[in-house]
């Protein structure tokens, strides 16, 4: 068998079983690659990276797509649908990883997947590297091309691949919070919307971005008393225009956060600094001053959390208590509604999958600066500054490496 040279990197190579023809470091139109879609292995994660219609589109233009057996079962997407779309169903994850030139996932790899890393692999998934130095080191050691959904930028500077899951998580945060406020689940026994003659629960949302806005929509739908805290006064003005007098807005500072959280029944953390660890805006002391049986849902936990007492949890063990306050800090909240989440995510990610497959990773990132912003690791270097700064590691710009 001929030696492996990854067509995605535009290297000079010819390999008959992959139909790669690349010359003068420029891929021709007939460049075809193998794309792997493994089953997610994080606890109770049911999302997956490509849906059947996406497979059909890739196969129609000559690419090969391998999907791990039962990868889509929790998203109500069966193997038979993938076969009908032209995918090859593969029984073992190791075969997906070893044969695929590009692996498309949802969540960051965990320890059982790290041995599959190699230097000619393109990995396209959520990475959230800032609070995970061990994973960063493994990607660097194996020189993986790691492109992170959460740092890909749109033309207006938005985060188009993070937005759909932020929408899901924001809406879920209220749903989850309402459940944990029930006495049966350790909460204060408060109904989010109250009833005539009994006031509604007080919901405090820290961060007025996509998560916060969607959390506010849901909380208002429940009939809760809602306050949004944000540092950006212009954003608070926008939220005031969106919600009118139905939502209170507060400028973010330690005093307003301490006062609002002390009065809250439910606190939702939705702070985001793209690619970087979230700042700890709610301190341990603030948590200790909250009502007993109050609930915290820290949606920012993927980036380390914005609550000092927050630590990552799983769907199997989703909550814990600190000073009588219930904490829910599941790192893959949208995985609880995988059908909705997979469709929402792949609606956004698939155009980028197609571009990477058609052009190759290097050419695609040179052609699209927003996609290039998603590059976090390449050739043993960190290429996203916020990750390098948080981990106190050297940074090298993508422009110097591509």
Protein backbone atom coordinates (compact mmCIF):
# COMPACT_ATOMS: atom_id res chain seq x y z
CA UNK A 1 0.00 0.00 0.00
CA UNK A 2 1.29 3.45 -0.85
CA UNK A 3 2.24 5.76 1.99
CA UNK A 4 -0.42 8.13 3.32
CA UNK A 5 -0.29 11.74 2.24
CA UNK A 6 -3.34 13.75 3.15
CA UNK A 7 -5.12 15.32 0.22
CA UNK A 8 -6.76 17.79 2.56
CA UNK A 9 -3.43 19.52 3.04
CA UNK A 10 -2.82 19.88 -0.69
CA UNK A 11 0.36 17.79 -0.66
CA UNK A 12 1.87 16.25 -3.76
CA UNK A 13 0.29 12.81 -3.74
CA UNK A 14 -1.47 10.12 -5.70
CA UNK A 15 -3.32 7.31 -4.02
CA UNK A 16 -5.65 5.19 -6.07
CA UNK A 17 -8.01 4.14 -3.31
CA UNK A 18 -8.60 7.76 -2.36
CA UNK A 19 -8.73 9.20 -5.86
CA UNK A 20 -6.37 11.99 -4.86
CA UNK A 21 -4.57 13.85 -7.61
CA UNK A 22 -2.60 16.86 -6.43
CA UNK A 23 0.21 18.58 -8.29
CA UNK A 24 2.37 21.62 -7.65
CA UNK A 25 0.80 21.90 -4.20
CA UNK A 26 -2.54 22.88 -5.75
CA UNK A 27 -5.47 20.41 -5.61
CA UNK A 28 -7.32 19.84 -8.86
CA UNK A 29 -11.09 19.63 -9.05
CA UNK A 30 -10.93 15.83 -8.98
CA UNK A 31 -9.56 15.83 -5.42
CA UNK A 32 -11.72 13.38 -3.45
CA UNK A 33 -11.38 12.66 0.23
CA UNK A 34 -12.62 10.28 2.88
CA UNK A 35 -14.70 11.90 5.62
CA UNK A 36 -15.35 10.11 8.89
CA UNK A 37 -18.30 10.61 11.23
CA UNK A 38 -17.71 8.72 14.50
CA UNK A 39 -20.27 8.15 17.22
CA UNK A 40 -19.91 10.63 20.06
CA UNK A 41 -18.51 9.00 23.20
CA UNK A 42 -19.10 11.70 25.81
CA UNK A 43 -21.70 10.65 28.38
CA UNK A 44 -25.21 10.45 26.87
CA UNK A 45 -24.25 12.51 23.83
CA UNK A 46 -26.54 11.77 20.89
CA UNK A 47 -25.61 14.43 18.35
CA UNK A 48 -23.47 13.70 15.29
CA UNK A 49 -21.52 15.66 12.74
CA UNK A 50 -23.29 15.06 9.41
CA UNK A 51 -26.91 14.15 8.64
CA UNK A 52 -27.98 11.82 5.78
CA UNK A 53 -28.78 14.63 3.35
CA UNK A 54 -25.27 15.97 3.90
CA UNK A 55 -23.82 12.56 3.13
CA UNK A 56 -25.84 12.45 -0.07
CA UNK A 57 -24.45 15.81 -1.18
CA UNK A 58 -20.85 14.80 -0.49
CA UNK A 59 -21.15 11.41 -2.15
CA UNK A 60 -22.80 12.99 -5.21
CA UNK A 61 -19.62 14.92 -5.95
CA UNK A 62 -17.35 11.93 -5.42
CA UNK A 63 -16.32 12.06 -1.78
CA UNK A 64 -16.49 9.01 0.48
CA UNK A 65 -18.28 9.24 3.82
CA UNK A 66 -17.91 6.68 6.60
CA UNK A 67 -20.36 6.73 9.50
CA UNK A 68 -19.92 4.66 12.64
CA UNK A 69 -22.71 2.16 13.24
CA UNK A 70 -25.61 3.62 15.25
CA UNK A 71 -23.95 7.04 15.41
CA UNK A 72 -27.25 8.73 14.58
CA UNK A 73 -29.64 6.52 16.50
CA UNK A 74 -30.21 9.01 19.35
CA UNK A 75 -30.86 11.75 16.82
CA UNK A 76 -33.50 9.53 15.13
CA UNK A 77 -31.24 9.09 12.10
CA UNK A 78 -30.81 5.39 11.42
CA UNK A 79 -28.02 3.52 9.67
CA UNK A 80 -30.40 2.60 6.84
CA UNK A 81 -30.87 6.30 6.05
CA UNK A 82 -27.11 6.78 5.84
CA UNK A 83 -26.71 3.74 3.61
CA UNK A 84 -29.46 5.04 1.33
CA UNK A 85 -27.58 8.36 1.15
CA UNK A 86 -24.41 6.55 0.07
CA UNK A 87 -22.45 6.27 3.31
CA UNK A 88 -20.38 3.29 4.37
CA UNK A 89 -21.38 2.07 7.83
CA UNK A 90 -18.31 1.13 9.86
CA UNK A 91 -18.51 -0.96 13.01
CA UNK A 92 -15.45 0.31 14.91
CA UNK A 93 -14.48 3.88 15.74
CA UNK A 94 -10.80 3.09 15.22
CA UNK A 95 -11.50 2.31 11.57
CA UNK A 96 -13.23 5.64 11.11
CA UNK A 97 -10.31 7.52 12.62
CA UNK A 98 -7.59 5.55 10.85
CA UNK A 99 -9.09 5.75 7.36
CA UNK A 100 -10.63 9.20 7.32
CA UNK A 101 -8.67 12.23 6.20
CA UNK A 102 -11.16 14.56 7.86
CA UNK A 103 -13.13 13.63 10.97
CA UNK A 104 -16.30 15.63 11.59
CA UNK A 105 -17.55 15.46 15.18
CA UNK A 106 -19.60 17.47 17.63
CA UNK A 107 -17.79 17.39 20.97
CA UNK A 108 -14.11 17.67 21.76
CA UNK A 109 -12.26 14.33 21.79
CA UNK A 110 -11.84 12.57 25.11
CA UNK A 111 -9.07 10.26 26.32
CA UNK A 112 -10.33 7.18 24.47
CA UNK A 113 -10.10 9.07 21.16
CA UNK A 114 -6.70 10.67 21.67
CA UNK A 115 -4.75 7.55 20.53
CA UNK A 116 -6.34 7.99 17.09
CA UNK A 117 -4.70 11.40 16.52
CA UNK A 118 -2.09 11.67 13.76
CA UNK A 119 -0.27 14.41 11.89
CA UNK A 120 -2.24 14.19 8.64
CA UNK A 121 -5.66 14.42 10.29
CA UNK A 122 -8.07 17.33 9.94
CA UNK A 123 -10.43 17.45 12.92
CA UNK A 124 -13.53 19.63 12.59
CA UNK A 125 -15.54 19.85 15.81
CA UNK A 126 -16.14 21.89 18.94
CA UNK A 127 -12.80 21.97 20.78
CA UNK A 128 -13.18 24.48 23.67
CA UNK A 129 -9.45 24.16 24.33
CA UNK A 130 -8.88 27.08 26.71
CA UNK A 131 -9.81 25.13 29.88
CA UNK A 132 -8.44 21.77 28.60
CA UNK A 133 -4.63 22.00 28.43
CA UNK A 134 -4.20 18.22 28.32
CA UNK A 135 -6.23 17.92 25.11
CA UNK A 136 -4.36 20.88 23.65
CA UNK A 137 -1.05 19.15 24.36
CA UNK A 138 -2.19 15.95 22.65
CA UNK A 139 -3.28 17.88 19.56
CA UNK A 140 0.10 19.61 19.52
CA UNK A 141 2.04 16.39 20.08
CA UNK A 142 0.34 14.68 17.15
CA UNK A 143 0.35 17.83 15.00
CA UNK A 144 -3.38 17.59 14.31
CA UNK A 145 -5.07 20.28 12.22
CA UNK A 146 -7.76 21.22 14.74
CA UNK A 147 -10.53 23.49 13.45
CA UNK A 148 -12.96 24.53 16.19
CA UNK A 149 -16.59 25.29 15.46
CA UNK A 150 -16.74 27.79 18.29
CA UNK A 151 -14.14 30.19 16.84
CA UNK A 152 -15.19 30.16 13.18
CA UNK A 153 -16.41 33.69 12.43
CA UNK A 154 -18.99 35.08 10.03
CA UNK A 155 -18.74 38.16 7.84
CA UNK A 156 -20.03 40.43 10.61
CA UNK A 157 -17.76 38.94 13.26
CA UNK A 158 -20.48 36.64 14.61
CA UNK A 159 -19.91 33.00 15.54
CA UNK A 160 -22.19 31.11 13.15
CA UNK A 161 -21.27 27.59 14.31
CA UNK A 162 -21.60 28.40 18.00
CA UNK A 163 -24.90 30.25 17.63
CA UNK A 164 -27.25 27.28 17.08
CA UNK A 165 -26.03 25.40 20.15
CA UNK A 166 -26.07 28.61 22.20
CA UNK A 167 -29.70 29.00 21.18
CA UNK A 168 -30.50 25.45 22.28
CA UNK A 169 -28.54 25.73 25.54
CA UNK A 170 -30.04 29.11 26.37
CA UNK A 171 -33.56 27.78 26.00
CA UNK A 172 -32.74 24.57 27.83
CA UNK A 173 -31.20 26.44 30.75
CA UNK A 174 -34.60 27.75 31.81
CA UNK A 175 -36.28 24.39 31.27
CA UNK A 176 -33.60 22.68 33.39
CA UNK A 177 -33.63 25.44 35.99
CA UNK A 178 -37.39 25.16 36.40
CA UNK A 179 -37.05 21.41 36.99
CA UNK A 180 -34.34 21.78 39.63
CA UNK A 181 -36.31 24.45 41.46
CA UNK A 182 -38.83 21.73 42.29
CA UNK A 183 -38.54 20.49 45.86
CA UNK A 184 -38.28 16.90 44.64
CA UNK A 185 -34.99 17.83 42.95
CA UNK A 186 -33.54 19.73 45.90
CA UNK A 187 -34.79 23.16 44.93
CA UNK A 188 -36.76 25.81 46.81
CA UNK A 189 -40.08 24.44 45.60
CA UNK A 190 -40.77 27.50 43.49
CA UNK A 191 -42.91 27.52 40.34
CA UNK A 192 -41.12 29.64 37.77
CA UNK A 193 -44.21 31.54 36.65
CA UNK A 194 -45.98 31.71 40.00
CA UNK A 195 -49.79 31.78 40.09
CA UNK A 196 -52.33 34.54 40.75
CA UNK A 197 -51.63 35.88 44.21
CA UNK A 198 -48.13 34.32 44.36
CA UNK A 199 -45.16 36.10 42.71
CA UNK A 200 -43.11 34.36 40.02
CA UNK A 201 -39.54 33.19 40.48
CA UNK A 202 -36.71 35.67 39.95
CA UNK A 203 -34.41 34.66 37.10
CA UNK A 204 -31.05 36.43 36.74
CA UNK A 205 -29.20 35.95 33.45
CA UNK A 206 -25.53 36.93 33.32
CA UNK A 207 -24.60 37.77 29.76
CA UNK A 208 -26.87 39.26 27.12
CA UNK A 209 -25.60 37.36 24.09
CA UNK A 210 -27.20 34.46 22.23
CA UNK A 211 -27.48 32.28 25.35
CA UNK A 212 -28.85 35.09 27.48
CA UNK A 213 -31.35 36.29 24.90
CA UNK A 214 -32.76 32.82 24.35
CA UNK A 215 -32.86 32.15 28.09
CA UNK A 216 -34.81 35.39 28.54
CA UNK A 217 -37.33 34.41 25.86
CA UNK A 218 -38.00 31.12 27.61
CA UNK A 219 -38.10 32.58 31.11
CA UNK A 220 -40.59 35.22 29.99
CA UNK A 221 -42.64 32.51 28.36
CA UNK A 222 -42.82 30.77 31.73
CA UNK A 223 -43.93 34.06 33.31
CA UNK A 224 -40.78 34.59 35.40
CA UNK A 225 -39.40 37.89 36.72
CA UNK A 226 -36.32 38.31 34.49
CA UNK A 227 -33.15 40.39 34.89
CA UNK A 228 -30.30 40.43 32.36
CA UNK A 229 -26.81 41.63 33.34
CA UNK A 230 -24.25 42.62 30.71
CA UNK A 231 -21.10 44.73 30.50
CA UNK A 232 -22.00 46.21 27.11
CA UNK A 233 -24.40 49.11 27.54
CA UNK A 234 -25.28 49.15 23.86
CA UNK A 235 -26.30 45.50 24.13
CA UNK A 236 -28.47 46.34 27.13
CA UNK A 237 -30.14 49.04 25.04
CA UNK A 238 -30.80 46.49 22.30
CA UNK A 239 -32.27 44.05 24.82
CA UNK A 240 -34.45 46.81 26.23
CA UNK A 241 -35.75 47.46 22.73
CA UNK A 242 -36.35 43.73 22.14
CA UNK A 243 -38.10 42.97 25.41
CA UNK A 244 -39.36 46.38 26.45
CA UNK A 245 -40.50 46.68 30.04
CA UNK A 246 -40.84 42.93 30.44
CA UNK A 247 -37.13 42.51 31.31
CA UNK A 248 -34.95 44.43 33.75
CA UNK A 249 -31.42 45.24 32.56
CA UNK A 250 -28.39 45.88 34.76
CA UNK A 251 -24.89 47.07 33.93
CA UNK A 252 -22.40 44.43 34.99
CA UNK A 253 -20.26 45.12 38.05
CA UNK A 254 -19.53 43.18 41.23
CA UNK A 255 -22.15 45.09 43.24
CA UNK A 256 -25.03 44.57 40.80
CA UNK A 257 -24.14 40.89 40.32
CA UNK A 258 -23.92 40.28 44.08
CA UNK A 259 -27.25 42.01 44.76
CA UNK A 260 -29.10 40.33 41.90
CA UNK A 261 -27.84 36.82 42.64
CA UNK A 262 -28.68 37.16 46.34
CA UNK A 263 -32.32 37.77 45.38
CA UNK A 264 -32.48 35.19 42.58
CA UNK A 265 -34.22 31.85 42.51
CA UNK A 266 -32.44 30.86 39.28
CA UNK A 267 -29.11 32.19 37.99
CA UNK A 268 -28.06 31.43 34.42
CA UNK A 269 -24.45 31.99 33.36
CA UNK A 270 -24.13 32.83 29.68
CA UNK A 271 -20.88 34.79 29.42
CA UNK A 272 -18.67 34.29 26.37
CA UNK A 273 -15.23 35.51 25.35
CA UNK A 274 -14.62 33.71 22.03
CA UNK A 275 -12.09 30.92 22.43
CA UNK A 276 -10.99 32.08 25.88
CA UNK A 277 -11.80 30.88 29.38
CA UNK A 278 -14.91 32.54 30.80
CA UNK A 279 -14.33 35.12 33.56
CA UNK A 280 -15.50 34.15 37.06
CA UNK A 281 -18.15 36.82 37.58
CA UNK A 282 -20.09 35.10 40.38
CA UNK A 283 -17.74 34.50 43.29
CA UNK A 284 -17.89 31.81 45.95
CA UNK A 285 -19.02 34.46 48.44
CA UNK A 286 -21.89 35.49 46.17
CA UNK A 287 -22.99 31.87 45.89
CA UNK A 288 -22.95 31.50 49.68
CA UNK A 289 -25.24 34.53 49.94
CA UNK A 290 -27.85 33.06 47.60
CA UNK A 291 -31.11 31.57 48.86
CA UNK A 292 -30.95 27.96 49.98
CA UNK A 293 -32.47 25.80 47.27
CA UNK A 294 -31.76 28.36 44.56
CA UNK A 295 -30.41 26.99 41.27
CA UNK A 296 -27.41 27.88 39.10
CA UNK A 297 -27.19 26.74 35.47
CA UNK A 298 -23.75 27.65 34.10
CA UNK A 299 -24.00 27.41 30.31
CA UNK A 300 -20.47 28.84 30.05
CA UNK A 301 -19.03 25.67 31.59
CA UNK A 302 -17.67 24.60 28.17
CA UNK A 303 -15.20 27.46 28.52
CA UNK A 304 -14.56 26.87 32.22
CA UNK A 305 -17.71 28.51 33.58
CA UNK A 306 -18.48 32.03 34.80
CA UNK A 307 -19.45 30.88 38.32
CA UNK A 308 -16.52 30.32 40.69
CA UNK A 309 -18.13 27.23 42.22
CA UNK A 310 -18.95 25.65 38.83
CA UNK A 311 -17.31 22.42 37.74
CA UNK A 312 -18.13 20.28 34.68
CA UNK A 313 -20.83 17.64 35.13
CA UNK A 314 -22.44 15.02 32.89
CA UNK A 315 -25.97 14.01 31.97
CA UNK A 316 -25.53 10.94 34.21
CA UNK A 317 -24.56 13.10 37.21
CA UNK A 318 -25.77 16.55 36.23
CA UNK A 319 -25.98 18.45 39.49
CA UNK A 320 -24.32 19.03 42.84
CA UNK A 321 -24.79 21.37 45.80
CA UNK A 322 -22.56 24.13 47.19
CA UNK A 323 -23.72 26.05 50.26
CA UNK A 324 -27.27 24.85 49.69
CA UNK A 325 -27.35 26.07 46.08
CA UNK A 326 -28.01 23.54 43.31
CA UNK A 327 -25.48 23.70 40.45
CA UNK A 328 -26.22 22.27 37.00
CA UNK A 329 -23.08 22.41 34.84
CA UNK A 330 -23.43 19.81 32.09
CA UNK A 331 -20.88 20.55 29.38
CA UNK A 332 -23.00 19.18 26.54
CA UNK A 333 -26.47 20.41 27.45
CA UNK A 334 -27.79 20.32 23.85
CA UNK A 335 -26.94 16.62 23.73
CA UNK A 336 -30.09 16.02 25.77
CA UNK A 337 -32.19 17.00 22.74
CA UNK A 338 -30.04 15.44 19.99
CA UNK A 339 -32.56 15.43 17.16
CA UNK A 340 -33.17 19.17 17.36
CA UNK A 341 -29.53 19.92 18.15
CA UNK A 342 -28.06 17.83 15.32
CA UNK A 343 -30.31 19.46 12.75
CA UNK A 344 -29.62 22.96 14.08
CA UNK A 345 -25.88 22.39 14.21
CA UNK A 346 -25.44 20.74 10.82
CA UNK A 347 -27.53 23.44 9.14
CA UNK A 348 -24.68 25.76 10.11
CA UNK A 349 -21.63 23.50 9.82
CA UNK A 350 -22.30 21.66 6.57
CA UNK A 351 -21.35 24.47 4.16
CA UNK A 352 -17.94 24.54 5.85
CA UNK A 353 -17.64 20.74 5.65
CA UNK A 354 -18.32 21.00 1.93
CA UNK A 355 -15.75 23.76 1.48
CA UNK A 356 -13.07 21.81 3.37
CA UNK A 357 -13.80 18.69 1.34
CA UNK A 358 -13.78 20.46 -2.02
CA UNK A 359 -10.79 22.74 -1.57
CA UNK A 360 -8.71 20.99 1.06
CA UNK A 361 -8.07 22.48 4.50
CA UNK A 362 -5.27 24.84 3.54
CA UNK A 363 -6.94 26.24 0.43
CA UNK A 364 -10.30 26.51 2.19
CA UNK A 365 -8.83 28.52 5.06
CA UNK A 366 -6.87 30.73 2.69
CA UNK A 367 -10.07 31.41 0.77
CA UNK A 368 -12.22 32.06 3.86
CA UNK A 369 -10.76 34.15 6.69
CA UNK A 370 -13.75 33.28 8.88
CA UNK A 371 -13.02 29.57 8.56
CA UNK A 372 -9.34 30.29 9.17
CA UNK A 373 -10.36 31.90 12.49
CA UNK A 374 -11.55 28.44 13.50
CA UNK A 375 -8.04 27.02 13.26
CA UNK A 376 -6.79 26.33 16.79
CA UNK A 377 -3.89 23.93 16.21
CA UNK A 378 -1.70 23.20 13.20
CA UNK A 379 1.70 21.50 12.77
CA UNK A 380 2.27 21.38 16.51
CA UNK A 381 1.41 25.05 17.12
CA UNK A 382 -1.46 26.87 18.80
CA UNK A 383 -2.96 29.19 16.21
CA UNK A 384 -5.69 30.81 18.30
CA UNK A 385 -4.32 33.54 20.52
CA UNK A 386 -6.91 33.37 23.31
CA UNK A 387 -6.12 29.68 23.84
CA UNK A 388 -2.37 30.35 23.87
CA UNK A 389 -2.78 33.24 26.31
CA UNK A 390 -5.02 31.30 28.71
CA UNK A 391 -2.64 28.34 28.74
CA UNK A 392 0.51 30.51 28.71
CA UNK A 393 1.83 28.72 25.64
CA UNK A 394 3.49 30.09 22.50
CA UNK A 395 1.23 31.37 19.76
CA UNK A 396 1.86 31.25 16.02
CA UNK A 397 -0.49 32.89 13.56
CA UNK A 398 -2.25 30.76 11.00
CA UNK A 399 -0.97 33.06 8.25
CA UNK A 400 2.60 32.04 9.08
CA UNK A 401 1.78 28.32 8.82
CA UNK A 402 -0.65 28.00 5.93
